C-alpha atoms as a PDB file:
ATOM      1  CA  TYR A   1     217.057 -39.443  18.216  1.00  0.00           C
ATOM      2  CA  ILE A   2     216.622 -41.840  15.053  1.00  0.00           C
ATOM      3  CA  GLY A   3     219.158 -44.604  17.592  1.00  0.00           C
ATOM      4  CA  GLN A   4     216.036 -45.108  19.757  1.00  0.00           C
ATOM      5  CA  LEU A   5     213.653 -46.090  17.049  1.00  0.00           C
ATOM      6  CA  VAL A   6     216.313 -49.033  16.314  1.00  0.00           C
ATOM      7  CA  THR A   7     216.440 -52.237  18.447  1.00  0.00           C
ATOM      8  CA  ASP A   8     219.546 -55.161  18.070  1.00  0.00           C
ATOM      9  CA  VAL A   9     217.224 -57.068  16.268  1.00  0.00           C
ATOM     10  CA  SER A  10     214.918 -55.021  14.434  1.00  0.00           C
ATOM     11  CA  THR A  11     214.312 -51.402  12.578  1.00  0.00           C
ATOM     12  CA  LYS A  12     210.509 -52.009  12.341  1.00  0.00           C
ATOM     13  CA  VAL A  13     209.922 -48.794  14.369  1.00  0.00           C
ATOM     14  CA  ARG A  14     211.999 -46.573  12.394  1.00  0.00           C
ATOM     15  CA  ASP A  15     211.111 -47.804   8.781  1.00  0.00           C
ATOM     16  CA  ALA A  16     207.242 -47.538   9.798  1.00  0.00           C
ATOM     17  CA  VAL A  17     207.743 -43.953  10.844  1.00  0.00           C
ATOM     18  CA  PHE A  18     209.811 -42.819   7.945  1.00  0.00           C
ATOM     19  CA  GLY A  19     207.606 -44.493   5.738  1.00  0.00           C
ATOM     20  CA  ASN A  20     204.584 -42.535   6.797  1.00  0.00           C
ATOM     21  CA  VAL A  21     206.099 -38.873   7.109  1.00  0.00           C
ATOM     22  CA  GLY A  22     205.646 -36.741   4.116  1.00  0.00           C
ATOM     23  CA  THR A  23     206.839 -33.347   5.528  1.00  0.00           C
ATOM     24  CA  LEU A  24     210.597 -33.740   7.268  1.00  0.00           C
ATOM     25  CA  ILE A  25     212.365 -31.027   8.651  1.00  0.00           C
ATOM     26  CA  THR A  26     215.705 -31.163  10.742  1.00  0.00           C
ATOM     27  CA  PHE A  27     217.722 -29.009  12.787  1.00  0.00           C
ATOM     28  CA  ARG A  28     221.617 -29.600  13.210  1.00  0.00           C
ATOM     29  CA  VAL A  29     221.962 -33.265  14.594  1.00  0.00           C
ATOM     30  CA  GLY A  30     224.925 -35.497  15.366  1.00  0.00           C
ATOM     31  CA  ALA A  31     227.086 -37.769  12.676  1.00  0.00           C
ATOM     32  CA  ALA A  32     224.924 -40.866  13.359  1.00  0.00           C
ATOM     33  CA  ASP A  33     221.757 -39.260  12.724  1.00  0.00           C
ATOM     34  CA  ALA A  34     223.057 -37.434   9.833  1.00  0.00           C
ATOM     35  CA  GLU A  35     223.972 -40.366   7.985  1.00  0.00           C
ATOM     36  CA  PHE A  36     220.601 -42.080   8.002  1.00  0.00           C
ATOM     37  CA  LEU A  37     219.256 -38.677   6.757  1.00  0.00           C
ATOM     38  CA  GLU A  38     221.527 -38.003   4.126  1.00  0.00           C
ATOM     39  CA  LYS A  39     219.625 -40.360   2.070  1.00  0.00           C
ATOM     40  CA  GLU A  40     216.216 -38.337   2.850  1.00  0.00           C
ATOM     41  CA  PHE A  41     218.017 -34.727   1.475  1.00  0.00           C
ATOM     42  CA  ASP A  42     220.324 -36.236  -1.299  1.00  0.00           C
ATOM     43  CA  PRO A  43     221.497 -35.107  -3.458  1.00  0.00           C
ATOM     44  CA  GLU A  44     220.983 -31.194  -2.088  1.00  0.00           C
ATOM     45  CA  PHE A  45     222.461 -31.550   1.065  1.00  0.00           C
ATOM     46  CA  THR A  46     225.246 -34.146   2.535  1.00  0.00           C
ATOM     47  CA  MET A  47     226.203 -35.114   5.609  1.00  0.00           C
ATOM     48  CA  GLN A  48     228.737 -32.867   6.563  1.00  0.00           C
ATOM     49  CA  ASP A  49     225.823 -29.916   5.608  1.00  0.00           C
ATOM     50  CA  ILE A  50     223.690 -31.320   8.103  1.00  0.00           C
ATOM     51  CA  VAL A  51     225.994 -31.549  10.716  1.00  0.00           C
ATOM     52  CA  ASN A  52     227.206 -28.132  10.294  1.00  0.00           C
ATOM     53  CA  LEU A  53     223.800 -26.305  10.438  1.00  0.00           C
ATOM     54  CA  PRO A  54     223.815 -23.067  11.894  1.00  0.00           C
ATOM     55  CA  ASN A  55     221.888 -22.229  14.921  1.00  0.00           C
ATOM     56  CA  TYR A  56     217.863 -21.013  13.972  1.00  0.00           C
ATOM     57  CA  ARG A  57     218.660 -22.694  10.561  1.00  0.00           C
ATOM     58  CA  ILE A  58     216.853 -26.153   8.879  1.00  0.00           C
ATOM     59  CA  TYR A  59     216.891 -28.587   6.242  1.00  0.00           C
ATOM     60  CA  LEU A  60     213.065 -29.479   5.170  1.00  0.00           C
ATOM     61  CA  LYS A  61     211.326 -31.026   2.483  1.00  0.00           C
ATOM     62  CA  LEU A  62     207.144 -30.694   2.122  1.00  0.00           C
ATOM     63  CA  MET A  63     204.762 -32.576   0.971  1.00  0.00           C
ATOM     64  CA  VAL A  64     201.976 -30.814  -1.180  1.00  0.00           C
ATOM     65  CA  GLU A  65     198.992 -32.477  -2.236  1.00  0.00           C
ATOM     66  CA  GLY A  66     200.846 -35.659  -1.914  1.00  0.00           C
ATOM     67  CA  VAL A  67     203.918 -34.908  -3.706  1.00  0.00           C
ATOM     68  CA  THR A  68     207.048 -34.526  -1.821  1.00  0.00           C
ATOM     69  CA  SER A  69     208.888 -31.275  -2.876  1.00  0.00           C
ATOM     70  CA  ARG A  70     212.743 -31.324  -3.271  1.00  0.00           C
ATOM     71  CA  PRO A  71     214.800 -30.443   0.008  1.00  0.00           C
ATOM     72  CA  PHE A  72     215.698 -26.785   0.704  1.00  0.00           C
ATOM     73  CA  SER A  73     217.026 -24.380   3.704  1.00  0.00           C
ATOM     74  CA  ALA A  74     215.175 -22.285   5.525  1.00  0.00           C
ATOM     75  CA  ILE A  75     215.819 -19.892   8.515  1.00  0.00           C
ATOM     76  CA  THR A  76     213.595 -19.825  11.315  1.00  0.00           C
ATOM     77  CA  LEU A  77     211.755 -17.216  13.371  1.00  0.00           C
ATOM     78  CA  PRO A  78     213.738 -15.746  16.406  1.00  0.00           C
ATOM     79  CA  SER A  79     212.590 -16.582  20.059  1.00  0.00           C
ATOM     80  CA  LEU A  80     209.839 -14.317  21.273  1.00  0.00           C
ATOM     81  CA  ARG A  81     211.258 -11.570  23.859  1.00  0.00           C
ATOM     82  CA  VAL A  82     209.013 -11.236  26.791  1.00  0.00           C
ATOM     83  CA  GLN A  83     209.154  -7.783  28.620  1.00  0.00           C
ATOM     84  CA  GLU A  84     211.121  -8.385  31.995  1.00  0.00           C
ATOM     85  CA  SER A  85     210.438  -6.279  34.660  1.00  0.00           C
ATOM     86  CA  LEU A  86     209.840  -6.531  38.826  1.00  0.00           C
ATOM     87  CA  SER A  87     205.985  -5.036  37.985  1.00  0.00           C
ATOM     88  CA  MET A  88     205.173  -7.772  35.454  1.00  0.00           C
ATOM     89  CA  ARG A  89     206.769 -10.667  38.122  1.00  0.00           C
ATOM     90  CA  ASP A  90     205.031  -9.225  41.066  1.00  0.00           C
ATOM     91  CA  GLU A  91     201.677  -9.149  39.345  1.00  0.00           C
ATOM     92  CA  VAL A  92     202.218 -13.194  37.952  1.00  0.00           C
ATOM     93  CA  ILE A  93     202.550 -14.268  41.374  1.00  0.00           C
ATOM     94  CA  LYS A  94     200.031 -12.123  42.173  1.00  0.00           C
ATOM     95  CA  GLU A  95     197.700 -13.434  39.972  1.00  0.00           C
ATOM     96  CA  SER A  96     198.823 -17.288  40.558  1.00  0.00           C
ATOM     97  CA  ASN A  97     198.147 -16.789  44.541  1.00  0.00           C
ATOM     98  CA  LYS A  98     194.638 -15.541  44.034  1.00  0.00           C
ATOM     99  CA  ARG A  99     193.921 -18.688  41.751  1.00  0.00           C
ATOM    100  CA  TYR A 100     195.569 -21.571  42.751  1.00  0.00           C
ATOM    101  CA  ALA A 101     196.718 -20.652  46.475  1.00  0.00           C
ATOM    102  CA  ARG A 102     195.088 -20.622  50.012  1.00  0.00           C
ATOM    103  CA  PRO A 103     195.746 -18.984  53.297  1.00  0.00           C
ATOM    104  CA  ARG A 104     198.074 -21.075  55.298  1.00  0.00           C
ATOM    105  CA  GLU A 105     196.225 -21.032  58.386  1.00  0.00           C
ATOM    106  CA  LYS A 106     192.903 -22.439  56.956  1.00  0.00           C
ATOM    107  CA  VAL A 107     194.923 -25.416  55.199  1.00  0.00           C
ATOM    108  CA  GLU A 108     196.686 -26.410  58.266  1.00  0.00           C
ATOM    109  CA  LYS A 109     193.414 -26.082  60.443  1.00  0.00           C
ATOM    110  CA  GLU A 110     191.735 -28.394  57.628  1.00  0.00           C
ATOM    111  CA  ILE A 111     194.608 -31.298  58.080  1.00  0.00           C
ATOM    112  CA  SER A 112     194.263 -31.191  61.574  1.00  0.00           C
ATOM    113  CA  ASN A 113     190.406 -31.558  61.497  1.00  0.00           C
ATOM    114  CA  TRP A 114     190.696 -34.709  58.731  1.00  0.00           C
ATOM    115  CA  SER A 115     193.260 -36.053  60.894  1.00  0.00           C
ATOM    116  CA  GLY A 116     191.823 -36.246  64.102  1.00  0.00           C
ATOM    117  CA  ILE A 117     194.917 -34.974  66.327  1.00  0.00           C
ATOM    118  CA  MET A 118     193.505 -31.213  66.835  1.00  0.00           C
ATOM    119  CA  GLU A 119     194.075 -30.269  70.342  1.00  0.00           C
ATOM    120  CA  ASP A 120     193.027 -27.449  72.708  1.00  0.00           C
ATOM    121  CA  SER A 121     194.443 -24.055  71.912  1.00  0.00           C
ATOM    122  CA  GLU A 122     195.129 -24.243  75.642  1.00  0.00           C
ATOM    123  CA  ASP A 123     196.943 -27.569  75.646  1.00  0.00           C
ATOM    124  CA  ILE A 124     199.138 -26.116  73.188  1.00  0.00           C
ATOM    125  CA  LYS A 125     200.059 -22.599  74.169  1.00  0.00           C
ATOM    126  CA  GLY A 126     199.811 -23.243  77.916  1.00  0.00           C
ATOM    127  CA  GLN A 127     202.680 -23.451  80.553  1.00  0.00           C
ATOM    128  CA  TYR A 128     202.980 -26.314  83.245  1.00  0.00           C
ATOM    129  CA  ASP A 129     204.882 -26.286  86.400  1.00  0.00           C
ATOM    130  CA  VAL A 130     206.860 -28.787  86.705  1.00  0.00           C
ATOM    131  CA  VAL A 131     209.962 -30.411  89.049  1.00  0.00           C
ATOM    132  CA  CYS A 132     213.171 -31.442  86.984  1.00  0.00           C
ATOM    133  CA  ALA A 133     213.645 -35.326  87.225  1.00  0.00           C
ATOM    134  CA  SER A 134     217.236 -34.694  87.147  1.00  0.00           C
ATOM    135  CA  CYS A 135     218.223 -31.620  89.713  1.00  0.00           C
ATOM    136  CA  SER A 136     215.098 -31.342  91.324  1.00  0.00           C
ATOM    137  CA  LYS A 137     214.683 -27.689  89.812  1.00  0.00           C
ATOM    138  CA  ASP A 138     211.223 -26.034  89.218  1.00  0.00           C
ATOM    139  CA  THR A 139     210.803 -25.247  85.673  1.00  0.00           C
ATOM    140  CA  THR A 140     208.035 -24.726  83.163  1.00  0.00           C
ATOM    141  CA  VAL A 141     207.332 -26.916  79.796  1.00  0.00           C
ATOM    142  CA  ASN A 142     204.704 -26.030  77.341  1.00  0.00           C
ATOM    143  CA  PHE A 143     203.236 -29.617  77.356  1.00  0.00           C
ATOM    144  CA  LYS A 144     201.201 -31.829  79.617  1.00  0.00           C
ATOM    145  CA  PRO A 145     203.588 -33.625  81.683  1.00  0.00           C
ATOM    146  CA  ASP A 146     202.903 -37.335  81.692  1.00  0.00           C
ATOM    147  CA  GLU A 147     203.493 -39.101  85.391  1.00  0.00           C
ATOM    148  CA  SER A 148     205.387 -42.066  83.759  1.00  0.00           C
ATOM    149  CA  ARG A 149     208.041 -40.200  82.166  1.00  0.00           C
ATOM    150  CA  PRO A 150     210.540 -38.201  83.617  1.00  0.00           C
ATOM    151  CA  VAL A 151     210.551 -34.201  82.850  1.00  0.00           C
ATOM    152  CA  TYR A 152     213.871 -32.112  82.642  1.00  0.00           C
ATOM    153  CA  CYS A 153     214.906 -28.561  82.678  1.00  0.00           C
ATOM    154  CA  ARG A 154     216.333 -26.896  79.564  1.00  0.00           C
ATOM    155  CA  ASP A 155     220.216 -27.209  81.041  1.00  0.00           C
ATOM    156  CA  CYS A 156     219.841 -31.102  82.192  1.00  0.00           C
ATOM    157  CA  LEU A 157     217.994 -31.680  78.548  1.00  0.00           C
ATOM    158  CA  ALA A 158     220.596 -29.984  76.759  1.00  0.00           C
ATOM    159  CA  LYS A 159     223.474 -32.029  78.776  1.00  0.00           C
ATOM    160  CA  ILE A 160     221.374 -35.643  78.067  1.00  0.00           C
ATOM    161  CA  LYS A 161     221.415 -34.503  74.470  1.00  0.00           C
ATOM    162  CA  SER A 162     225.356 -33.871  74.586  1.00  0.00           C
ATOM    163  CA  GLY A 163     225.684 -36.926  75.931  1.00  0.00           C
ATOM    164  CA  GLU A 164     227.258 -35.485  79.214  1.00  0.00           C
ATOM    165  CA  MET A 165     224.563 -37.045  81.262  1.00  0.00           C
ATOM    166  CA  LYS A 166     222.466 -40.145  81.230  1.00  0.00           C
ATOM    167  CA  PRO A 167     218.815 -39.861  81.500  1.00  0.00           C
ATOM    168  CA  VAL A 168     217.005 -40.757  84.638  1.00  0.00           C
ATOM    169  CA  ILE A 169     215.992 -44.232  84.667  1.00  0.00           C
ATOM    170  CA  THR A 170     212.156 -44.823  86.018  1.00  0.00           C
ATOM    171  CA  SER A 171     210.163 -48.007  86.667  1.00  0.00           C
ATOM    172  CA  ARG A 172     208.502 -47.572  83.277  1.00  0.00           C
ATOM    173  CA  ASP A 173     211.629 -48.587  81.618  1.00  0.00           C
ATOM    174  CA  PHE A 174     211.537 -52.087  83.247  1.00  0.00           C
ATOM    175  CA  THR A 175     207.579 -52.620  83.287  1.00  0.00           C
ATOM    176  CA  GLY A 176     205.583 -52.566  79.982  1.00  0.00           C
ATOM    177  CA  HIS A 177     202.142 -53.004  79.359  1.00  0.00           C
ATOM    178  CA  LYS A 178     200.333 -56.433  79.829  1.00  0.00           C
ATOM    179  CA  ARG A 179     199.363 -58.203  76.570  1.00  0.00           C
ATOM    180  CA  ALA A 180     196.074 -58.287  77.610  1.00  0.00           C
ATOM    181  CA  GLU A 181     195.704 -54.187  77.464  1.00  0.00           C
ATOM    182  CA  TYR A 182     196.985 -54.477  73.860  1.00  0.00           C
ATOM    183  CA  MET A 183     194.560 -57.334  72.955  1.00  0.00           C
ATOM    184  CA  THR A 184     191.596 -55.023  74.427  1.00  0.00           C
ATOM    185  CA  ASP A 185     192.936 -52.032  72.602  1.00  0.00           C
ATOM    186  CA  LEU A 186     192.994 -54.047  69.217  1.00  0.00           C
ATOM    187  CA  SER A 187     189.243 -55.158  69.964  1.00  0.00           C
ATOM    188  CA  ALA A 188     187.993 -51.971  70.729  1.00  0.00           C
ATOM    189  CA  LEU A 189     188.805 -51.104  67.113  1.00  0.00           C
ATOM    190  CA  GLY A 190     187.350 -53.906  65.761  1.00  0.00           C
ATOM    191  CA  ILE A 191     190.358 -55.826  65.147  1.00  0.00           C
ATOM    192  CA  GLU A 192     190.058 -59.446  66.189  1.00  0.00           C
ATOM    193  CA  PHE A 193     193.057 -61.006  68.115  1.00  0.00           C
ATOM    194  CA  GLU A 194     193.436 -63.705  69.943  1.00  0.00           C
ATOM    195  CA  GLY A 195     196.356 -64.552  72.126  1.00  0.00           C
ATOM    196  CA  LYS A 196     198.585 -67.762  71.921  1.00  0.00           C
ATOM    197  CA  LYS A 197     196.353 -70.779  73.647  1.00  0.00           C
ATOM    198  CA  PRO A 198     198.022 -72.918  76.025  1.00  0.00           C
ATOM    199  CA  LYS A 199     199.338 -76.218  74.600  1.00  0.00           C
ATOM    200  CA  PRO A 200     197.472 -79.124  76.171  1.00  0.00           C
ATOM    201  CA  LYS A 201     200.268 -81.386  78.175  1.00  0.00           C
ATOM    202  CA  LYS A 202     200.700 -84.878  76.294  1.00  0.00           C
ATOM    203  CA  LYS A 203     199.490 -87.514  78.397  1.00  0.00           C
ATOM    204  CA  THR A 204     202.784 -90.024  79.041  1.00  0.00           C
ATOM    205  CA  TYR A 205     202.165 -93.867  79.671  1.00  0.00           C
ATOM    206  CA  THR A 206     204.098 -96.152  81.575  1.00  0.00           C
ATOM    207  CA  THR A 207     204.179 -99.939  80.723  1.00  0.00           C
ATOM    208  CA  THR A 208     204.298-102.333  83.560  1.00  0.00           C
ATOM    209  CA  PRO A 209     205.263-105.872  83.432  1.00  0.00           C
ATOM    210  CA  LYS A 210     202.609-108.410  82.737  1.00  0.00           C
ATOM    211  CA  PRO A 211     202.646-112.183  83.898  1.00  0.00           C
ATOM    212  CA  SER A 212     202.473-114.904  81.406  1.00  0.00           C
ATOM    213  CA  VAL A 213     201.565-118.395  82.145  1.00  0.00           C
ATOM    214  CA  VAL A 214     203.751-120.864  80.721  1.00  0.00           C
ATOM    215  CA  LYS A 215     203.345-124.545  80.593  1.00  0.00           C
ATOM    216  CA  GLY A 216     203.809-126.178  83.987  1.00  0.00           C
ATOM    217  CA  GLY A 217     201.316-123.787  85.748  1.00  0.00           C
ATOM    218  CA  MET A 218     204.548-121.292  86.465  1.00  0.00           C
ATOM    219  CA  SER A 219     203.703-117.981  86.021  1.00  0.00           C
ATOM    220  CA  THR A 220     206.394-115.369  84.811  1.00  0.00           C
ATOM    221  CA  PHE A 221     207.118-111.557  84.073  1.00  0.00           C
ATOM    222  CA  SER A 222     207.780-110.287  80.642  1.00  0.00           C
ATOM    223  CA  MET A 223     210.019-107.015  81.307  1.00  0.00           C
ATOM    224  CA  PRO A 224     209.610-104.218  78.746  1.00  0.00           C
ATOM    225  CA  LYS A 225     212.471-104.234  76.018  1.00  0.00           C
ATOM    226  CA  LYS A 226     215.128-101.604  76.936  1.00  0.00           C
ATOM    227  CA  GLU A 227     216.032 -99.168  74.176  1.00  0.00           C
ATOM    228  CA  MET A 228     219.791 -99.274  72.865  1.00  0.00           C
ATOM    229  CA  SER A 229     222.058 -97.608  70.743  1.00  0.00           C
ATOM    230  CA  LEU A 230     223.689 -98.960  67.477  1.00  0.00           C
ATOM    231  CA  SER A 231     227.130 -99.022  69.617  1.00  0.00           C
ATOM    232  CA  GLU A 232     225.105-100.768  72.154  1.00  0.00           C
ATOM    233  CA  LEU A 233     223.881-103.339  70.290  1.00  0.00           C
ATOM    234  CA  LYS A 234     227.266-103.524  68.368  1.00  0.00           C
ATOM    235  CA  VAL A 235     228.707-104.465  71.799  1.00  0.00           C
ATOM    236  CA  LYS A 236     226.036-106.875  72.922  1.00  0.00           C
ATOM    237  CA  THR A 237     226.110-108.699  69.667  1.00  0.00           C
ATOM    238  CA  SER A 238     229.927-109.321  70.091  1.00  0.00           C
ATOM    239  CA  GLU A 239     229.696-110.689  73.447  1.00  0.00           C
ATOM    240  CA  GLU A 240     226.803-113.032  72.552  1.00  0.00           C
ATOM    241  CA  GLN A 241     228.975-114.524  69.856  1.00  0.00           C
ATOM    242  CA  SER A 242     231.822-114.944  72.186  1.00  0.00           C
ATOM    243  CA  GLU A 243     229.769-116.702  74.467  1.00  0.00           C
ATOM    244  CA  LYS A 244     228.432-119.048  71.917  1.00  0.00           C
ATOM    245  CA  SER A 245     231.898-119.979  70.754  1.00  0.00           C
ATOM    246  CA  ASN A 246     232.775-120.691  74.389  1.00  0.00           C
ATOM    247  CA  LYS A 247     229.910-122.909  74.664  1.00  0.00           C
ATOM    248  CA  GLU A 248     230.717-124.956  71.607  1.00  0.00           C
ATOM    249  CA  LYS A 249     234.274-125.347  72.995  1.00  0.00           C
ATOM    250  CA  LYS A 250     232.996-126.570  76.242  1.00  0.00           C
ATOM    251  CA  HIS A 251     230.930-128.866  74.439  1.00  0.00           C
ATOM    252  CA  SER A 252     233.608-130.371  72.202  1.00  0.00           C
ATOM    253  CA  LYS A 253     235.822-131.568  75.038  1.00  0.00           C
ATOM    254  CA  GLY A 254     233.625-134.944  75.397  1.00  0.00           C
ATOM    255  CA  PRO A 255     234.271-138.302  74.243  1.00  0.00           C
ATOM    256  CA  SER A 256     234.528-138.353  70.035  1.00  0.00           C
ATOM    257  CA  ILE A 257     232.265-140.347  68.196  1.00  0.00           C
ATOM    258  CA  THR A 258     235.200-142.439  66.833  1.00  0.00           C
ATOM    259  CA  GLY A 259     236.690-143.478  69.862  1.00  0.00           C
ATOM    260  CA  LEU A 260     232.947-144.575  71.209  1.00  0.00           C
ATOM    261  CA  ARG A 261     232.642-146.959  67.900  1.00  0.00           C
ATOM    262  CA  SER A 262     236.156-148.383  68.805  1.00  0.00           C
ATOM    263  CA  ALA A 263     235.593-148.954  72.291  1.00  0.00           C
ATOM    264  CA  LEU A 264     232.125-150.807  71.531  1.00  0.00           C
ATOM    265  CA  GLN A 265     234.023-152.944  68.862  1.00  0.00           C
ATOM    266  CA  ASP A 266     236.353-154.273  71.085  1.00  0.00           C
ATOM    267  CA  ALA A 267     233.829-155.181  73.831  1.00  0.00           C
ATOM    268  CA  LEU A 268     231.829-157.025  71.190  1.00  0.00           C
ATOM    269  CA  ASN A 269     234.938-159.064  70.102  1.00  0.00           C
ATOM    270  CA  GLU A 270     235.755-160.187  73.402  1.00  0.00           C
ATOM    271  CA  MET A 271     232.180-161.315  74.054  1.00  0.00           C
ATOM    272  CA  GLN A 272     232.372-163.211  70.857  1.00  0.00           C
ATOM    273  CA  GLN A 273     235.514-164.661  72.000  1.00  0.00           C
ATOM    274  CA  THR A 274     234.265-165.992  75.498  1.00  0.00           C
ATOM    275  CA  ASN A 275     231.341-167.090  73.858  1.00  0.00           C
ATOM    276  CA  ASP A 276     233.371-169.146  71.369  1.00  0.00           C
ATOM    277  CA  GLU A 277     235.407-170.605  74.235  1.00  0.00           C
ATOM    278  CA  ASP A 278     232.720-171.843  76.341  1.00  0.00           C
ATOM    279  CA  THR A 279     231.052-173.605  73.237  1.00  0.00           C
ATOM    280  CA  SER A 280     234.282-175.417  72.528  1.00  0.00           C
ATOM    281  CA  VAL A 281     234.692-177.204  76.368  1.00  0.00           C
ATOM    282  CA  PRO A 282     233.362-181.016  76.347  1.00  0.00           C
ATOM    283  CA  THR A 283     230.597-181.851  78.522  1.00  0.00           C
END
């Protein structure tokens, strides 16, 4: 379609294609393509002619020795008819199998050898006598039973698949392989795997109060500071502020400075008067 050669922002691809084409052939197309091709086949054919082309009819113009001819119409050759018969069909299949196919058994054997899952024929086709883990009935299975897995007869297996009966719980369902076993298997395959190393325990140190010698020869012990939260710190600061205000009130209950000054002044005045009286008495 011509619309595939046009983008939202550019028509460079469409212009390059039609600019380098000499011979142009068209079958019946849609209206959008016919609108563009009308310019190539004008005036011989219009957009309606291109849209209404019958089957096996074409419009074309040829480039001969670098010169483009005028557009004209033509009829194409009918499709080739192939003889349809069962013998021809079988012959084609036989020839295809002979050239490209291989026997199924041979292919399966090669795949098994390549993947490494080839088993002995005795293990595949053999029958093993087992006891049903649910009903204790003797039965046979076509695979080698595993001692750690429960084996069921056909009836019990059908009931378990339908949900009528629950499977037998064995010790294998509770105990798994140790992690060390998996590590050894990985190391045997060449995969380095290290388990989790135990983290060393962090050493904790306790601080003991050390004696500090103060002036006068007395030794005191400085206790470690106690950690406290913000709420406890707020309560402590409020208590300290209240104690400080109470102490200030207690100190303020004593005599004031102005009272002391007036008392001293009165005492000095009395002493001055007594001195004056002593000096005025005649001898």
